[in-house]
Amino acid sequence: MEQKTKQGIRQKIATRDMAMCALFTVLITAGAFIKIPVPVVPFTLQFLFTMMAGLLLGGRLGACSVALYGVLGLIGLPVFAEGGGIYYLLKPSFGYIIGFGIASYVTGRMVERLEKISFGKVLAANLLGLAIVYGAGMSYYYVICNYVINSPIGLGALFLYCFLLAVPGDICLCFLAAELTRRLKPALERMG
């Protein structure tokens, strides 16, 4: 597998990087099945593992892990919280998966630029990632429900079910991911 760098030179992705991407793809999949049922969008640990992918692997590899997860689900493997298959594009909750990929990249890039890892800076990156996930997820949910599958949802109900009921748990996961990153990132960098 090759990746084009900024200078236009082709660079091979190291075996370690591919293994770490695969590991996080598996963790994201496992996180999809650790559910706390709430109405409309189930609370899972996917958010934690998608953020950790970006925070620990960097933006490019973190997003690659999430993209691989998405591709596996769309080709039919039952890795998503409610199954898999191309039809999943029509599920209102698919927007959260899109948000996971974008957020993983953004938070990963933010942490890559830090000279020193601190809990506060990583937490700020996580909270921005959370906003990205919810922004993408809620927008997609609204469009699919109201314009594609003819199952209208108002903005008040969308805010209640797709934000208020789920966000407290994800905010806690932001704190957990910041602490885990503060402890694990230096160890991973020494190994790498």
N, C-alpha and C. Protein backbone atom coordinates (compact mmCIF):
# COMPACT_ATOMS: atom_id res chain seq x y z
N MET A 1 0.86 -1.18 0.00
CA MET A 1 0.00 0.00 0.00
C MET A 1 0.89 1.23 0.00
N GLU A 2 0.60 2.18 -0.88
CA GLU A 2 1.43 3.37 -0.96
C GLU A 2 0.60 4.61 -0.72
N GLN A 3 1.24 5.62 -0.23
CA GLN A 3 0.57 6.89 0.03
C GLN A 3 1.43 8.01 -0.54
N LYS A 4 0.81 8.94 -1.25
CA LYS A 4 1.54 10.06 -1.84
C LYS A 4 1.78 11.12 -0.76
N THR A 5 3.02 11.58 -0.63
CA THR A 5 3.36 12.61 0.36
C THR A 5 3.20 13.99 -0.25
N LYS A 6 3.37 15.02 0.55
CA LYS A 6 3.23 16.40 0.09
C LYS A 6 4.22 16.74 -1.02
N GLN A 7 5.41 16.18 -0.96
CA GLN A 7 6.43 16.49 -1.94
C GLN A 7 6.23 15.72 -3.25
N GLY A 8 5.23 14.89 -3.32
CA GLY A 8 4.98 14.14 -4.54
C GLY A 8 5.76 12.83 -4.60
N ILE A 9 6.52 12.53 -3.58
CA ILE A 9 7.28 11.29 -3.53
C ILE A 9 6.36 10.20 -3.01
N ARG A 10 6.52 9.00 -3.52
CA ARG A 10 5.68 7.91 -3.03
C ARG A 10 6.36 7.28 -1.82
N GLN A 11 5.57 7.04 -0.78
CA GLN A 11 6.10 6.50 0.46
C GLN A 11 5.26 5.28 0.83
N LYS A 12 5.91 4.20 1.17
CA LYS A 12 5.19 3.00 1.59
C LYS A 12 4.71 3.17 3.02
N ILE A 13 3.50 2.68 3.27
CA ILE A 13 3.00 2.67 4.64
C ILE A 13 3.62 1.47 5.34
N ALA A 14 4.21 1.72 6.48
CA ALA A 14 4.90 0.67 7.23
C ALA A 14 3.93 -0.41 7.68
N THR A 15 4.45 -1.61 7.81
CA THR A 15 3.65 -2.74 8.26
C THR A 15 3.03 -2.45 9.62
N ARG A 16 3.78 -1.79 10.49
CA ARG A 16 3.27 -1.43 11.82
C ARG A 16 2.05 -0.52 11.68
N ASP A 17 2.12 0.44 10.77
CA ASP A 17 1.00 1.35 10.56
C ASP A 17 -0.23 0.60 10.06
N MET A 18 -0.02 -0.32 9.11
CA MET A 18 -1.15 -1.11 8.61
C MET A 18 -1.77 -1.96 9.72
N ALA A 19 -0.91 -2.53 10.56
CA ALA A 19 -1.41 -3.35 11.67
C ALA A 19 -2.20 -2.49 12.67
N MET A 20 -1.71 -1.29 12.94
CA MET A 20 -2.42 -0.40 13.87
C MET A 20 -3.75 0.05 13.27
N CYS A 21 -3.78 0.34 11.98
CA CYS A 21 -5.05 0.69 11.32
C CYS A 21 -6.04 -0.46 11.44
N ALA A 22 -5.57 -1.67 11.17
CA ALA A 22 -6.43 -2.84 11.27
C ALA A 22 -6.92 -3.03 12.70
N LEU A 23 -6.03 -2.84 13.68
CA LEU A 23 -6.41 -2.97 15.09
C LEU A 23 -7.53 -1.99 15.44
N PHE A 24 -7.38 -0.75 15.02
CA PHE A 24 -8.42 0.23 15.35
C PHE A 24 -9.71 -0.02 14.57
N THR A 25 -9.61 -0.58 13.38
CA THR A 25 -10.83 -0.96 12.66
C THR A 25 -11.58 -2.03 13.44
N VAL A 26 -10.85 -2.97 14.00
CA VAL A 26 -11.46 -4.03 14.83
C VAL A 26 -12.05 -3.42 16.11
N LEU A 27 -11.33 -2.50 16.73
CA LEU A 27 -11.85 -1.85 17.96
C LEU A 27 -13.12 -1.05 17.67
N ILE A 28 -13.15 -0.34 16.54
CA ILE A 28 -14.34 0.41 16.16
C ILE A 28 -15.51 -0.55 15.96
N THR A 29 -15.24 -1.67 15.31
CA THR A 29 -16.28 -2.69 15.10
C THR A 29 -16.79 -3.21 16.43
N ALA A 30 -15.87 -3.54 17.33
CA ALA A 30 -16.28 -4.02 18.66
C ALA A 30 -17.08 -2.95 19.38
N GLY A 31 -16.66 -1.70 19.24
CA GLY A 31 -17.36 -0.60 19.88
C GLY A 31 -18.79 -0.44 19.40
N ALA A 32 -19.05 -0.86 18.16
CA ALA A 32 -20.42 -0.77 17.61
C ALA A 32 -21.37 -1.72 18.32
N PHE A 33 -20.82 -2.79 18.89
CA PHE A 33 -21.67 -3.79 19.53
C PHE A 33 -21.75 -3.64 21.04
N ILE A 34 -21.03 -2.68 21.57
CA ILE A 34 -21.15 -2.34 22.99
C ILE A 34 -22.14 -1.19 23.04
N LYS A 35 -23.42 -1.51 23.27
CA LYS A 35 -24.49 -0.53 23.12
C LYS A 35 -25.22 -0.26 24.43
N ILE A 36 -25.63 0.97 24.56
CA ILE A 36 -26.59 1.36 25.59
C ILE A 36 -27.80 1.88 24.82
N PRO A 37 -28.92 1.17 24.90
CA PRO A 37 -30.05 1.58 24.06
C PRO A 37 -30.65 2.91 24.51
N VAL A 38 -30.70 3.84 23.57
CA VAL A 38 -31.42 5.09 23.74
C VAL A 38 -32.27 5.25 22.48
N PRO A 39 -33.35 6.00 22.55
CA PRO A 39 -34.20 6.14 21.37
C PRO A 39 -33.44 6.72 20.17
N VAL A 40 -33.79 6.28 19.00
CA VAL A 40 -33.33 6.76 17.70
C VAL A 40 -31.90 6.33 17.39
N VAL A 41 -30.89 6.88 18.05
CA VAL A 41 -29.50 6.54 17.76
C VAL A 41 -28.90 5.86 18.99
N PRO A 42 -28.50 4.57 18.88
CA PRO A 42 -27.96 3.87 20.05
C PRO A 42 -26.60 4.47 20.48
N PHE A 43 -26.36 4.52 21.78
CA PHE A 43 -25.07 4.96 22.30
C PHE A 43 -24.12 3.78 22.25
N THR A 44 -22.98 3.96 21.57
CA THR A 44 -21.98 2.89 21.46
C THR A 44 -20.61 3.45 21.84
N LEU A 45 -19.61 2.58 21.83
CA LEU A 45 -18.24 3.01 22.08
C LEU A 45 -17.48 3.31 20.79
N GLN A 46 -18.18 3.36 19.66
CA GLN A 46 -17.53 3.69 18.40
C GLN A 46 -16.83 5.04 18.47
N PHE A 47 -17.50 6.01 19.06
CA PHE A 47 -16.92 7.35 19.14
C PHE A 47 -15.56 7.30 19.85
N LEU A 48 -15.47 6.58 20.95
CA LEU A 48 -14.21 6.47 21.68
C LEU A 48 -13.11 5.92 20.78
N PHE A 49 -13.39 4.83 20.09
CA PHE A 49 -12.35 4.18 19.28
C PHE A 49 -12.02 4.96 18.02
N THR A 50 -12.98 5.68 17.44
CA THR A 50 -12.65 6.50 16.28
C THR A 50 -11.79 7.68 16.69
N MET A 51 -12.07 8.26 17.85
CA MET A 51 -11.23 9.36 18.34
C MET A 51 -9.83 8.85 18.68
N MET A 52 -9.77 7.70 19.36
CA MET A 52 -8.46 7.15 19.74
C MET A 52 -7.63 6.81 18.50
N ALA A 53 -8.28 6.38 17.43
CA ALA A 53 -7.55 6.09 16.19
C ALA A 53 -6.84 7.34 15.70
N GLY A 54 -7.56 8.45 15.63
CA GLY A 54 -6.94 9.69 15.19
C GLY A 54 -5.89 10.20 16.16
N LEU A 55 -6.21 10.16 17.44
CA LEU A 55 -5.32 10.69 18.46
C LEU A 55 -4.01 9.92 18.55
N LEU A 56 -4.07 8.61 18.43
CA LEU A 56 -2.87 7.79 18.60
C LEU A 56 -2.14 7.51 17.29
N LEU A 57 -2.88 7.40 16.19
CA LEU A 57 -2.24 7.06 14.91
C LEU A 57 -1.96 8.29 14.05
N GLY A 58 -2.58 9.40 14.37
CA GLY A 58 -2.47 10.59 13.53
C GLY A 58 -3.69 10.69 12.63
N GLY A 59 -3.86 11.87 12.05
CA GLY A 59 -5.05 12.12 11.26
C GLY A 59 -5.21 11.19 10.06
N ARG A 60 -4.15 11.01 9.29
CA ARG A 60 -4.24 10.20 8.07
C ARG A 60 -4.55 8.74 8.38
N LEU A 61 -3.80 8.14 9.29
CA LEU A 61 -4.01 6.73 9.60
C LEU A 61 -5.29 6.51 10.41
N GLY A 62 -5.64 7.47 11.26
CA GLY A 62 -6.89 7.36 12.02
C GLY A 62 -8.08 7.36 11.08
N ALA A 63 -8.09 8.31 10.14
CA ALA A 63 -9.18 8.36 9.15
C ALA A 63 -9.18 7.11 8.28
N CYS A 64 -8.01 6.58 7.99
CA CYS A 64 -7.90 5.35 7.21
C CYS A 64 -8.58 4.19 7.95
N SER A 65 -8.40 4.11 9.25
CA SER A 65 -9.03 3.07 10.06
C SER A 65 -10.55 3.17 10.00
N VAL A 66 -11.06 4.40 10.11
CA VAL A 66 -12.50 4.62 10.07
C VAL A 66 -13.03 4.33 8.67
N ALA A 67 -12.29 4.75 7.64
CA ALA A 67 -12.71 4.49 6.26
C ALA A 67 -12.77 2.99 5.99
N LEU A 68 -11.79 2.24 6.47
CA LEU A 68 -11.80 0.79 6.29
C LEU A 68 -13.03 0.19 6.98
N TYR A 69 -13.33 0.66 8.17
CA TYR A 69 -14.54 0.22 8.88
C TYR A 69 -15.78 0.49 8.03
N GLY A 70 -15.87 1.70 7.48
CA GLY A 70 -17.02 2.06 6.65
C GLY A 70 -17.14 1.19 5.42
N VAL A 71 -16.02 0.95 4.75
CA VAL A 71 -16.03 0.12 3.54
C VAL A 71 -16.46 -1.31 3.88
N LEU A 72 -15.93 -1.86 4.96
CA LEU A 72 -16.31 -3.23 5.37
C LEU A 72 -17.81 -3.33 5.62
N GLY A 73 -18.36 -2.31 6.27
CA GLY A 73 -19.79 -2.31 6.53
C GLY A 73 -20.61 -2.15 5.26
N LEU A 74 -20.18 -1.28 4.37
CA LEU A 74 -20.95 -1.03 3.15
C LEU A 74 -20.91 -2.20 2.17
N ILE A 75 -19.83 -3.01 2.22
CA ILE A 75 -19.80 -4.17 1.33
C ILE A 75 -20.61 -5.35 1.89
N GLY A 76 -21.13 -5.17 3.09
CA GLY A 76 -22.06 -6.17 3.61
C GLY A 76 -21.67 -6.86 4.90
N LEU A 77 -20.47 -6.64 5.40
CA LEU A 77 -20.12 -7.25 6.68
C LEU A 77 -20.91 -6.55 7.78
N PRO A 78 -21.47 -7.30 8.72
CA PRO A 78 -22.32 -6.70 9.76
C PRO A 78 -21.53 -6.02 10.87
N VAL A 79 -20.76 -4.99 10.51
CA VAL A 79 -19.89 -4.32 11.48
C VAL A 79 -20.52 -3.07 12.07
N PHE A 80 -21.58 -2.56 11.44
CA PHE A 80 -22.24 -1.36 11.96
C PHE A 80 -23.14 -1.74 13.14
N ALA A 81 -23.55 -0.75 13.90
CA ALA A 81 -24.37 -0.98 15.09
C ALA A 81 -25.66 -1.74 14.76
N GLU A 82 -26.15 -1.58 13.53
CA GLU A 82 -27.40 -2.25 13.14
C GLU A 82 -27.22 -3.07 11.86
N GLY A 83 -26.05 -3.67 11.67
CA GLY A 83 -25.84 -4.54 10.52
C GLY A 83 -24.82 -4.01 9.55
N GLY A 84 -25.10 -4.15 8.27
CA GLY A 84 -24.18 -3.71 7.23
C GLY A 84 -24.85 -3.81 5.88
N GLY A 85 -24.18 -3.37 4.85
CA GLY A 85 -24.70 -3.42 3.49
C GLY A 85 -24.82 -2.03 2.91
N ILE A 86 -24.88 -1.97 1.60
CA ILE A 86 -24.93 -0.69 0.89
C ILE A 86 -26.18 0.11 1.25
N TYR A 87 -27.26 -0.60 1.59
CA TYR A 87 -28.50 0.08 1.97
C TYR A 87 -28.29 0.96 3.20
N TYR A 88 -27.23 0.72 3.94
CA TYR A 88 -26.95 1.49 5.16
C TYR A 88 -26.78 2.97 4.85
N LEU A 89 -26.44 3.29 3.59
CA LEU A 89 -26.35 4.70 3.19
C LEU A 89 -27.68 5.42 3.36
N LEU A 90 -28.78 4.66 3.33
CA LEU A 90 -30.10 5.25 3.49
C LEU A 90 -30.57 5.28 4.95
N LYS A 91 -29.78 4.75 5.84
CA LYS A 91 -30.12 4.81 7.27
C LYS A 91 -29.74 6.20 7.78
N PRO A 92 -30.64 6.84 8.46
CA PRO A 92 -30.34 8.20 8.94
C PRO A 92 -29.09 8.28 9.81
N SER A 93 -28.76 7.21 10.52
CA SER A 93 -27.60 7.25 11.42
C SER A 93 -26.26 7.12 10.71
N PHE A 94 -26.25 6.88 9.40
CA PHE A 94 -24.98 6.73 8.67
C PHE A 94 -24.15 8.01 8.72
N GLY A 95 -24.78 9.14 8.88
CA GLY A 95 -24.05 10.40 8.97
C GLY A 95 -23.06 10.44 10.12
N TYR A 96 -23.36 9.72 11.18
CA TYR A 96 -22.43 9.66 12.31
C TYR A 96 -21.14 8.95 11.90
N ILE A 97 -21.25 7.93 11.06
CA ILE A 97 -20.07 7.21 10.58
C ILE A 97 -19.22 8.14 9.72
N ILE A 98 -19.87 8.93 8.87
CA ILE A 98 -19.14 9.92 8.09
C ILE A 98 -18.44 10.90 9.03
N GLY A 99 -19.16 11.35 10.04
CA GLY A 99 -18.58 12.26 11.04
C GLY A 99 -17.40 11.64 11.78
N PHE A 100 -17.47 10.34 12.06
CA PHE A 100 -16.35 9.66 12.73
C PHE A 100 -15.07 9.81 11.92
N GLY A 101 -15.17 9.60 10.62
CA GLY A 101 -13.99 9.69 9.77
C GLY A 101 -13.40 11.09 9.73
N ILE A 102 -14.27 12.08 9.56
CA ILE A 102 -13.80 13.47 9.52
C ILE A 102 -13.20 13.86 10.86
N ALA A 103 -13.89 13.53 11.94
CA ALA A 103 -13.41 13.90 13.28
C ALA A 103 -12.10 13.21 13.62
N SER A 104 -11.96 11.95 13.23
CA SER A 104 -10.72 11.23 13.49
C SER A 104 -9.55 11.93 12.80
N TYR A 105 -9.78 12.35 11.57
CA TYR A 105 -8.73 13.06 10.84
C TYR A 105 -8.39 14.40 11.52
N VAL A 106 -9.41 15.18 11.82
CA VAL A 106 -9.19 16.52 12.39
C VAL A 106 -8.52 16.43 13.76
N THR A 107 -9.02 15.58 14.64
CA THR A 107 -8.41 15.50 15.97
C THR A 107 -6.99 14.94 15.88
N GLY A 108 -6.80 13.99 14.99
CA GLY A 108 -5.46 13.43 14.80
C GLY A 108 -4.47 14.48 14.33
N ARG A 109 -4.88 15.31 13.37
CA ARG A 109 -4.01 16.37 12.87
C ARG A 109 -3.72 17.40 13.96
N MET A 110 -4.72 17.69 14.77
CA MET A 110 -4.51 18.67 15.85
C MET A 110 -3.47 18.16 16.84
N VAL A 111 -3.57 16.89 17.21
CA VAL A 111 -2.64 16.33 18.18
C VAL A 111 -1.25 16.15 17.57
N GLU A 112 -1.19 15.85 16.27
CA GLU A 112 0.12 15.73 15.61
C GLU A 112 0.91 17.03 15.71
N ARG A 113 0.22 18.13 15.74
CA ARG A 113 0.89 19.44 15.75
C ARG A 113 1.30 19.89 17.16
N LEU A 114 0.88 19.16 18.17
CA LEU A 114 1.24 19.53 19.54
C LEU A 114 2.70 19.19 19.81
N GLU A 115 3.41 20.11 20.42
CA GLU A 115 4.78 19.81 20.83
C GLU A 115 4.78 18.92 22.05
N LYS A 116 3.83 19.16 22.95
CA LYS A 116 3.73 18.36 24.16
C LYS A 116 2.27 17.98 24.36
N ILE A 117 2.04 16.70 24.61
CA ILE A 117 0.68 16.21 24.82
C ILE A 117 0.22 16.64 26.22
N SER A 118 -0.90 17.32 26.28
CA SER A 118 -1.48 17.67 27.58
C SER A 118 -2.96 17.28 27.56
N PHE A 119 -3.47 16.97 28.72
CA PHE A 119 -4.87 16.56 28.84
C PHE A 119 -5.80 17.63 28.26
N GLY A 120 -5.58 18.89 28.62
CA GLY A 120 -6.45 19.98 28.18
C GLY A 120 -6.48 20.15 26.68
N LYS A 121 -5.32 20.09 26.04
CA LYS A 121 -5.27 20.27 24.58
C LYS A 121 -5.90 19.09 23.85
N VAL A 122 -5.69 17.91 24.35
CA VAL A 122 -6.30 16.73 23.72
C VAL A 122 -7.81 16.76 23.95
N LEU A 123 -8.23 17.17 25.14
CA LEU A 123 -9.66 17.28 25.40
C LEU A 123 -10.31 18.30 24.47
N ALA A 124 -9.64 19.42 24.22
CA ALA A 124 -10.18 20.42 23.29
C ALA A 124 -10.32 19.84 21.90
N ALA A 125 -9.33 19.07 21.46
CA ALA A 125 -9.41 18.41 20.14
C ALA A 125 -10.59 17.44 20.12
N ASN A 126 -10.76 16.69 21.21
CA ASN A 126 -11.87 15.73 21.28
C ASN A 126 -13.22 16.42 21.22
N LEU A 127 -13.35 17.53 21.91
CA LEU A 127 -14.63 18.26 21.90
C LEU A 127 -14.93 18.82 20.52
N LEU A 128 -13.90 19.24 19.80
CA LEU A 128 -14.10 19.66 18.42
C LEU A 128 -14.53 18.45 17.57
N GLY A 129 -13.88 17.32 17.79
CA GLY A 129 -14.27 16.09 17.09
C GLY A 129 -15.71 15.71 17.39
N LEU A 130 -16.12 15.88 18.63
CA LEU A 130 -17.50 15.59 19.02
C LEU A 130 -18.47 16.49 18.25
N ALA A 131 -18.13 17.78 18.14
CA ALA A 131 -18.98 18.71 17.39
C ALA A 131 -19.07 18.30 15.93
N ILE A 132 -17.96 17.84 15.36
CA ILE A 132 -17.95 17.39 13.96
C ILE A 132 -18.85 16.18 13.79
N VAL A 133 -18.72 15.21 14.68
CA VAL A 133 -19.53 13.98 14.59
C VAL A 133 -21.01 14.32 14.68
N TYR A 134 -21.38 15.13 15.66
CA TYR A 134 -22.79 15.47 15.82
C TYR A 134 -23.29 16.37 14.68
N GLY A 135 -22.45 17.27 14.21
CA GLY A 135 -22.85 18.11 13.09
C GLY A 135 -23.14 17.28 11.85
N ALA A 136 -22.22 16.38 11.51
CA ALA A 136 -22.42 15.52 10.34
C ALA A 136 -23.58 14.56 10.56
N GLY A 137 -23.63 13.96 11.74
CA GLY A 137 -24.66 12.96 12.03
C GLY A 137 -26.06 13.54 12.01
N MET A 138 -26.24 14.67 12.67
CA MET A 138 -27.57 15.27 12.74
C MET A 138 -28.02 15.83 11.39
N SER A 139 -27.09 16.41 10.64
CA SER A 139 -27.43 16.93 9.32
C SER A 139 -27.87 15.80 8.39
N TYR A 140 -27.11 14.73 8.37
CA TYR A 140 -27.43 13.58 7.53
C TYR A 140 -28.77 12.98 7.96
N TYR A 141 -28.96 12.85 9.26
CA TYR A 141 -30.19 12.29 9.80
C TYR A 141 -31.40 13.09 9.32
N TYR A 142 -31.29 14.41 9.42
CA TYR A 142 -32.39 15.29 9.03
C TYR A 142 -32.69 15.16 7.53
N VAL A 143 -31.66 15.20 6.71
CA VAL A 143 -31.85 15.13 5.26
C VAL A 143 -32.44 13.78 4.85
N ILE A 144 -31.89 12.69 5.36
CA ILE A 144 -32.39 11.36 4.98
C ILE A 144 -33.84 11.19 5.42
N CYS A 145 -34.15 11.56 6.66
CA CYS A 145 -35.52 11.40 7.15
C CYS A 145 -36.52 12.26 6.38
N ASN A 146 -36.19 13.49 6.15
CA ASN A 146 -37.14 14.43 5.57
C ASN A 146 -37.21 14.41 4.06
N TYR A 147 -36.13 14.01 3.38
CA TYR A 147 -36.11 14.13 1.93
C TYR A 147 -35.88 12.81 1.18
N VAL A 148 -35.50 11.75 1.88
CA VAL A 148 -35.20 10.50 1.18
C VAL A 148 -36.18 9.40 1.57
N ILE A 149 -36.31 9.12 2.85
CA ILE A 149 -37.15 7.99 3.26
C ILE A 149 -38.54 8.40 3.69
N ASN A 150 -38.87 9.68 3.55
CA ASN A 150 -40.21 10.19 3.87
C ASN A 150 -40.67 9.79 5.28
N SER A 151 -39.81 10.05 6.24
CA SER A 151 -40.12 9.82 7.64
C SER A 151 -39.75 11.11 8.39
N PRO A 152 -40.54 12.16 8.18
CA PRO A 152 -40.17 13.50 8.66
C PRO A 152 -39.85 13.56 10.16
N ILE A 153 -38.84 14.35 10.46
CA ILE A 153 -38.47 14.63 11.85
C ILE A 153 -38.25 16.14 11.96
N GLY A 154 -38.83 16.72 12.98
CA GLY A 154 -38.67 18.16 13.21
C GLY A 154 -37.34 18.45 13.89
N LEU A 155 -36.95 19.71 13.87
CA LEU A 155 -35.68 20.09 14.48
C LEU A 155 -35.66 19.86 15.98
N GLY A 156 -36.79 20.07 16.65
CA GLY A 156 -36.86 19.84 18.09
C GLY A 156 -36.64 18.37 18.44
N ALA A 157 -37.33 17.49 17.73
CA ALA A 157 -37.17 16.05 17.96
C ALA A 157 -35.76 15.60 17.59
N LEU A 158 -35.22 16.14 16.50
CA LEU A 158 -33.86 15.81 16.08
C LEU A 158 -32.87 16.19 17.18
N PHE A 159 -33.00 17.39 17.71
CA PHE A 159 -32.11 17.87 18.76
C PHE A 159 -32.23 17.00 20.02
N LEU A 160 -33.45 16.64 20.38
CA LEU A 160 -33.66 15.83 21.58
C LEU A 160 -33.07 14.43 21.41
N TYR A 161 -33.48 13.74 20.35
CA TYR A 161 -33.10 12.33 20.20
C TYR A 161 -31.69 12.11 19.68
N CYS A 162 -31.23 13.01 18.83
CA CYS A 162 -29.92 12.80 18.20
C CYS A 162 -28.80 13.59 18.86
N PHE A 163 -29.14 14.40 19.86
CA PHE A 163 -28.11 15.17 20.55
C PHE A 163 -28.23 15.05 22.07
N LEU A 164 -29.31 15.59 22.62
CA LEU A 164 -29.43 15.66 24.08
C LEU A 164 -29.34 14.31 24.77
N LEU A 165 -29.97 13.29 24.20
CA LEU A 165 -29.96 11.99 24.85
C LEU A 165 -28.61 11.27 24.75
N ALA A 166 -27.85 11.58 23.70
CA ALA A 166 -26.60 10.84 23.47
C ALA A 166 -25.35 11.59 23.89
N VAL A 167 -25.37 12.91 23.85
CA VAL A 167 -24.14 13.67 24.05
C VAL A 167 -23.52 13.55 25.44
N PRO A 168 -24.27 13.39 26.53
CA PRO A 168 -23.59 13.28 27.83
C PRO A 168 -22.59 12.11 27.88
N GLY A 169 -22.98 10.98 27.35
CA GLY A 169 -22.06 9.83 27.33
C GLY A 169 -20.84 10.09 26.48
N ASP A 170 -21.04 10.75 25.34
CA ASP A 170 -19.91 11.04 24.45
C ASP A 170 -18.98 12.09 25.03
N ILE A 171 -19.52 13.02 25.82
CA ILE A 171 -18.65 13.98 26.50
C ILE A 171 -17.76 13.25 27.50
N CYS A 172 -18.33 12.28 28.21
CA CYS A 172 -17.51 11.46 29.13
C CYS A 172 -16.42 10.72 28.35
N LEU A 173 -16.77 10.23 27.16
CA LEU A 173 -15.77 9.53 26.34
C LEU A 173 -14.67 10.49 25.88
N CYS A 174 -15.00 11.77 25.69
CA CYS A 174 -13.97 12.76 25.34
C CYS A 174 -12.93 12.87 26.45
N PHE A 175 -13.40 12.91 27.68
CA PHE A 175 -12.49 12.97 28.83
C PHE A 175 -11.64 11.70 28.92
N LEU A 176 -12.28 10.54 28.75
CA LEU A 176 -11.56 9.27 28.80
C LEU A 176 -10.51 9.20 27.70
N ALA A 177 -10.87 9.58 26.48
CA ALA A 177 -9.93 9.54 25.36
C ALA A 177 -8.75 10.48 25.59
N ALA A 178 -9.01 11.65 26.19
CA ALA A 178 -7.91 12.59 26.47
C ALA A 178 -6.93 12.00 27.47
N GLU A 179 -7.44 11.37 28.50
CA GLU A 179 -6.55 10.76 29.50
C GLU A 179 -5.79 9.57 28.92
N LEU A 180 -6.48 8.73 28.16
CA LEU A 180 -5.81 7.59 27.53
C LEU A 180 -4.72 8.06 26.57
N THR A 181 -5.00 9.09 25.81
CA THR A 181 -4.02 9.61 24.86
C THR A 181 -2.81 10.18 25.60
N ARG A 182 -3.06 10.91 26.65
CA ARG A 182 -1.96 11.49 27.44
C ARG A 182 -1.02 10.41 27.95
N ARG A 183 -1.58 9.26 28.28
CA ARG A 183 -0.76 8.17 28.82
C ARG A 183 -0.16 7.28 27.73
N LEU A 184 -0.91 7.02 26.66
CA LEU A 184 -0.48 6.05 25.65
C LEU A 184 0.37 6.63 24.54
N LYS A 185 0.12 7.85 24.13
CA LYS A 185 0.83 8.42 22.97
C LYS A 185 2.33 8.46 23.17
N PRO A 186 2.83 8.92 24.31
CA PRO A 186 4.28 8.91 24.49
C PRO A 186 4.88 7.50 24.41
N ALA A 187 4.17 6.52 24.94
CA ALA A 187 4.68 5.13 24.89
C ALA A 187 4.70 4.63 23.44
N LEU A 188 3.67 4.94 22.66
CA LEU A 188 3.63 4.52 21.26
C LEU A 188 4.73 5.19 20.45
N GLU A 189 4.99 6.46 20.75
CA GLU A 189 6.05 7.18 20.03
C GLU A 189 7.43 6.60 20.34
N ARG A 190 7.64 6.15 21.57
CA ARG A 190 8.93 5.52 21.92
C ARG A 190 9.09 4.19 21.20
N MET A 191 7.97 3.47 20.99
CA MET A 191 8.03 2.17 20.30
C MET A 191 8.27 2.33 18.81
N GLY A 192 7.75 3.45 18.25
CA GLY A 192 7.71 3.62 16.81
C GLY A 192 8.98 3.97 16.17
